[in-house]
C-alpha cells in the first residue's frame, strides 16, 4: 500500500506570518496536531501542538508579554527541517521515517507542492486493515526453518484445510536458523488447521492447545 492511498488531501496549512494564537485556534477547531507552513505554495516548515504549547505562557505564572506571545508569527517557532514523504512511498517506509526521526506526521510532497498529509493515526489504521485484525479472524503462529520454499509449504496446509489467509508476517525466530510465520486467517475455530499443521511436522507456537476452543 502506498502513501497516496491513505493520505489526507485536504490539508489545513498556515503561512510564516500566521500568529501563534491563530495557529492554536486552527489546531483546536480541526482537531489536528500539525500544521504545514507554506510560503508561495512551497513547504517551508511545520508547527506542531507541542511547539505551540512550549511557546504559550504558563498557566501558573503571568508576565507582561503574555499577550504579545500569541501575536508572534509561527515562523519564530516552526521546525524548518521538515521530514516529508512522496505519494508513491510505501506505508512501511513512511512508518520507518517517523520512527527514525521521532515525528508524528509527514507532509506529502510531490516536487515542491504539498499534496497531502499522513499521521501516526493514519498509518496505525492502515496497518490494522492490512493485518486483518479489524475483522473476525484467528491468529496462528508457526516456527519454521529459515529456508527457501517453507512459506509455500505452510500455505499449502491452509489450502488443504480450506482456510483463507488474510495476512502473513515473517520475522526472525528466537532460535538460530529459524523464522516465525504469523498468519491471520478467516476462521474463529482454527483447530482443524492447527492439527493439520502438527501432523505435517510444523511447530505451532500459538495458539496453544489450551487456547483452542473445545
Protein backbone atom coordinates (compact mmCIF):
# COMPACT_ATOMS: atom_id res chain seq x y z
CA UNK A 1 0.00 0.00 0.00
CA UNK A 2 1.29 3.44 -0.94
CA UNK A 3 1.01 6.78 0.81
CA UNK A 4 -1.30 8.19 -1.86
CA UNK A 5 -3.88 5.54 -0.94
CA UNK A 6 -4.29 6.71 2.65
CA UNK A 7 -3.02 10.31 2.84
CA UNK A 8 -5.32 13.18 3.73
CA UNK A 9 -5.61 15.51 0.76
CA UNK A 10 -7.49 18.36 2.44
CA UNK A 11 -4.63 19.77 4.50
CA UNK A 12 -5.01 22.73 6.86
CA UNK A 13 -1.98 24.98 6.45
CA UNK A 14 -0.63 28.31 7.68
CA UNK A 15 1.82 30.89 6.38
CA UNK A 16 5.00 32.02 8.16
CA UNK A 17 3.20 35.20 9.23
CA UNK A 18 0.24 33.41 10.83
CA UNK A 19 0.18 34.22 14.53
CA UNK A 20 0.73 31.62 17.21
CA UNK A 21 -2.75 32.37 18.53
CA UNK A 22 -4.35 31.77 15.11
CA UNK A 23 -2.41 28.54 14.65
CA UNK A 24 -3.58 27.31 18.04
CA UNK A 25 -7.20 28.01 17.13
CA UNK A 26 -6.81 26.11 13.84
CA UNK A 27 -5.42 23.07 15.62
CA UNK A 28 -8.26 23.01 18.11
CA UNK A 29 -11.01 23.72 15.58
CA UNK A 30 -9.84 20.97 13.21
CA UNK A 31 -8.73 18.52 15.92
CA UNK A 32 -5.29 18.10 14.40
CA UNK A 33 -1.77 18.19 15.81
CA UNK A 34 0.38 19.51 12.95
CA UNK A 35 0.23 22.48 10.59
CA UNK A 36 2.44 22.63 7.48
CA UNK A 37 3.76 26.14 6.83
CA UNK A 38 3.53 27.27 3.20
CA UNK A 39 5.07 30.28 1.51
CA UNK A 40 4.13 30.84 -2.13
CA UNK A 41 2.69 27.26 -2.18
CA UNK A 42 6.08 25.89 -1.11
CA UNK A 43 6.59 23.95 2.11
CA UNK A 44 8.96 25.91 4.34
CA UNK A 45 8.25 24.44 7.77
CA UNK A 46 5.86 22.71 10.12
CA UNK A 47 4.45 23.62 13.52
CA UNK A 48 3.06 21.10 15.99
CA UNK A 49 0.81 21.31 19.01
CA UNK A 50 3.92 20.71 21.14
CA UNK A 51 5.71 23.68 19.55
CA UNK A 52 2.70 25.85 20.34
CA UNK A 53 2.37 24.58 23.91
CA UNK A 54 6.05 25.25 24.57
CA UNK A 55 5.63 28.81 23.29
CA UNK A 56 2.48 29.58 25.27
CA UNK A 57 2.56 31.49 28.56
CA UNK A 58 2.46 29.45 31.74
CA UNK A 59 -0.97 28.98 33.30
CA UNK A 60 0.56 29.40 36.75
CA UNK A 61 2.70 32.47 36.20
CA UNK A 62 1.74 35.63 34.33
CA UNK A 63 4.07 38.05 32.61
CA UNK A 64 3.63 41.40 30.94
CA UNK A 65 4.39 39.98 27.50
CA UNK A 66 1.94 37.02 27.67
CA UNK A 67 -0.45 38.55 25.12
CA UNK A 68 2.46 39.52 22.89
CA UNK A 69 3.47 35.87 22.51
CA UNK A 70 0.10 34.94 20.99
CA UNK A 71 0.60 37.60 18.31
CA UNK A 72 4.07 36.44 17.31
CA UNK A 73 4.30 34.67 13.89
CA UNK A 74 4.73 30.92 13.69
CA UNK A 75 7.99 31.40 11.79
CA UNK A 76 9.51 32.13 15.19
CA UNK A 77 8.80 28.61 16.46
CA UNK A 78 8.25 26.39 13.40
CA UNK A 79 10.50 23.47 12.51
CA UNK A 80 12.35 24.38 9.31
CA UNK A 81 13.92 20.97 8.65
CA UNK A 82 10.84 19.00 7.62
CA UNK A 83 10.81 15.24 7.08
CA UNK A 84 8.50 14.54 4.14
CA UNK A 85 7.08 11.65 2.13
CA UNK A 86 6.25 11.14 -1.54
CA UNK A 87 2.81 9.90 -2.68
CA UNK A 88 4.39 6.75 -4.16
CA UNK A 89 6.28 5.82 -0.99
CA UNK A 90 5.15 2.61 0.71
CA UNK A 91 3.48 2.99 4.10
CA UNK A 92 6.12 0.82 5.78
CA UNK A 93 8.82 3.23 4.58
CA UNK A 94 6.82 6.17 5.94
CA UNK A 95 6.50 4.35 9.27
CA UNK A 96 10.26 3.83 9.36
CA UNK A 97 10.87 7.54 8.69
CA UNK A 98 8.53 8.55 11.51
CA UNK A 99 10.20 6.11 13.88
CA UNK A 100 13.72 7.16 12.88
CA UNK A 101 13.08 10.90 13.13
CA UNK A 102 10.63 10.67 16.06
CA UNK A 103 7.90 12.71 14.32
CA UNK A 104 4.14 12.28 14.45
CA UNK A 105 3.32 13.26 10.86
CA UNK A 106 4.76 13.57 7.37
CA UNK A 107 3.75 16.22 4.84
CA UNK A 108 3.40 14.52 1.45
CA UNK A 109 5.24 16.46 -1.23
CA UNK A 110 5.36 15.97 -4.99
CA UNK A 111 8.05 18.17 -6.46
CA UNK A 112 7.75 21.28 -4.29
CA UNK A 113 3.96 21.03 -3.98
CA UNK A 114 2.24 19.85 -0.82
CA UNK A 115 -0.33 17.25 -1.91
CA UNK A 116 -1.29 15.62 1.36
CA UNK A 117 -0.55 14.74 4.95
CA UNK A 118 -0.10 11.46 6.78
CA UNK A 119 -0.09 10.94 10.55
CA UNK A 120 0.68 8.18 13.02
CA UNK A 121 -3.05 7.56 13.33
CA UNK A 122 -3.42 7.10 9.55
CA UNK A 123 -0.58 4.56 9.48
CA UNK A 124 -1.88 2.73 12.53
CA UNK A 125 -5.36 2.38 10.99
CA UNK A 126 -3.87 1.15 7.70
CA UNK A 127 -1.68 -1.45 9.40
CA UNK A 128 -4.71 -2.78 11.30
CA UNK A 129 -6.54 -3.20 7.98
CA UNK A 130 -3.53 -4.81 6.31
CA UNK A 131 -3.14 -7.33 9.12
CA UNK A 132 -6.86 -8.06 9.02
CA UNK A 133 -7.34 -7.67 12.78
CA UNK A 134 -10.38 -5.44 12.24
CA UNK A 135 -12.38 -8.46 11.01
CA UNK A 136 -13.40 -11.74 12.69
CA UNK A 137 -10.31 -13.92 12.40
CA UNK A 138 -7.75 -16.05 14.24
CA UNK A 139 -4.03 -15.65 14.87
CA UNK A 140 -1.76 -18.62 14.11
CA UNK A 141 2.00 -18.52 14.61
CA UNK A 142 4.31 -21.20 13.22
CA UNK A 143 8.04 -21.64 13.78
CA UNK A 144 9.82 -22.92 10.66
CA UNK A 145 13.32 -23.49 9.30
CA UNK A 146 14.82 -20.47 7.58
CA UNK A 147 14.96 -21.91 4.09
CA UNK A 148 13.62 -21.31 0.60
CA UNK A 149 10.08 -22.54 -0.05
CA UNK A 150 8.95 -23.07 3.53
CA UNK A 151 6.27 -20.37 3.34
CA UNK A 152 4.71 -22.10 0.34
CA UNK A 153 4.72 -25.41 2.21
CA UNK A 154 2.89 -23.95 5.20
CA UNK A 155 0.47 -22.12 2.92
CA UNK A 156 -0.40 -25.42 1.25
CA UNK A 157 -1.63 -26.72 4.62
CA UNK A 158 -4.04 -23.79 4.91
CA UNK A 159 -5.25 -24.52 1.39
CA UNK A 160 -5.93 -28.16 2.22
CA UNK A 161 -7.83 -27.10 5.34
CA UNK A 162 -9.92 -24.70 3.21
CA UNK A 163 -8.92 -21.79 5.45
CA UNK A 164 -8.43 -18.38 3.85
CA UNK A 165 -5.32 -16.39 4.88
CA UNK A 166 -5.92 -12.65 5.16
CA UNK A 167 -2.36 -11.65 6.09
CA UNK A 168 1.03 -13.11 6.91
CA UNK A 169 4.03 -11.57 8.67
CA UNK A 170 7.52 -13.10 8.70
CA UNK A 171 10.06 -12.25 11.38
CA UNK A 172 13.28 -13.80 12.74
CA UNK A 173 12.77 -16.63 15.21
CA UNK A 174 14.23 -16.82 18.70
CA UNK A 175 16.35 -19.82 17.72
CA UNK A 176 19.22 -19.78 15.15
CA UNK A 177 18.22 -20.58 11.55
CA UNK A 178 14.53 -20.25 12.43
CA UNK A 179 11.72 -17.92 11.33
CA UNK A 180 8.27 -17.28 12.72
CA UNK A 181 5.31 -17.01 10.36
CA UNK A 182 2.31 -15.19 11.80
CA UNK A 183 -0.92 -15.83 9.90
CA UNK A 184 -4.27 -14.10 10.28
CA UNK A 185 -6.93 -16.48 8.98
CA UNK A 186 -10.66 -16.15 8.34
CA UNK A 187 -11.93 -18.58 10.93
CA UNK A 188 -12.82 -18.31 14.59
CA UNK A 189 -12.13 -22.01 15.18
CA UNK A 190 -8.58 -22.83 13.97
CA UNK A 191 -8.48 -26.38 15.40
CA UNK A 192 -8.61 -28.15 12.04
CA UNK A 193 -5.69 -26.27 10.53
CA UNK A 194 -3.69 -26.43 13.79
CA UNK A 195 -3.99 -30.20 13.92
CA UNK A 196 -3.10 -30.48 10.23
CA UNK A 197 -0.02 -28.30 10.72
CA UNK A 198 1.12 -30.50 13.59
CA UNK A 199 0.55 -33.65 11.52
CA UNK A 200 2.78 -32.23 8.78
CA UNK A 201 5.56 -31.65 11.31
CA UNK A 202 5.31 -27.90 11.71
CA UNK A 203 5.85 -26.37 15.14
CA UNK A 204 2.83 -24.30 16.10
CA UNK A 205 3.85 -21.55 18.54
CA UNK A 206 0.34 -20.30 19.15
CA UNK A 207 -2.41 -20.62 19.95
CA UNK A 208 -1.54 -23.45 22.35
CA UNK A 209 -3.90 -26.35 22.83
CA UNK A 210 -5.32 -24.71 25.95
CA UNK A 211 -6.32 -21.69 23.90
CA UNK A 212 -8.19 -23.70 21.28
CA UNK A 213 -11.97 -23.84 21.66
CA UNK A 214 -13.16 -27.31 22.73
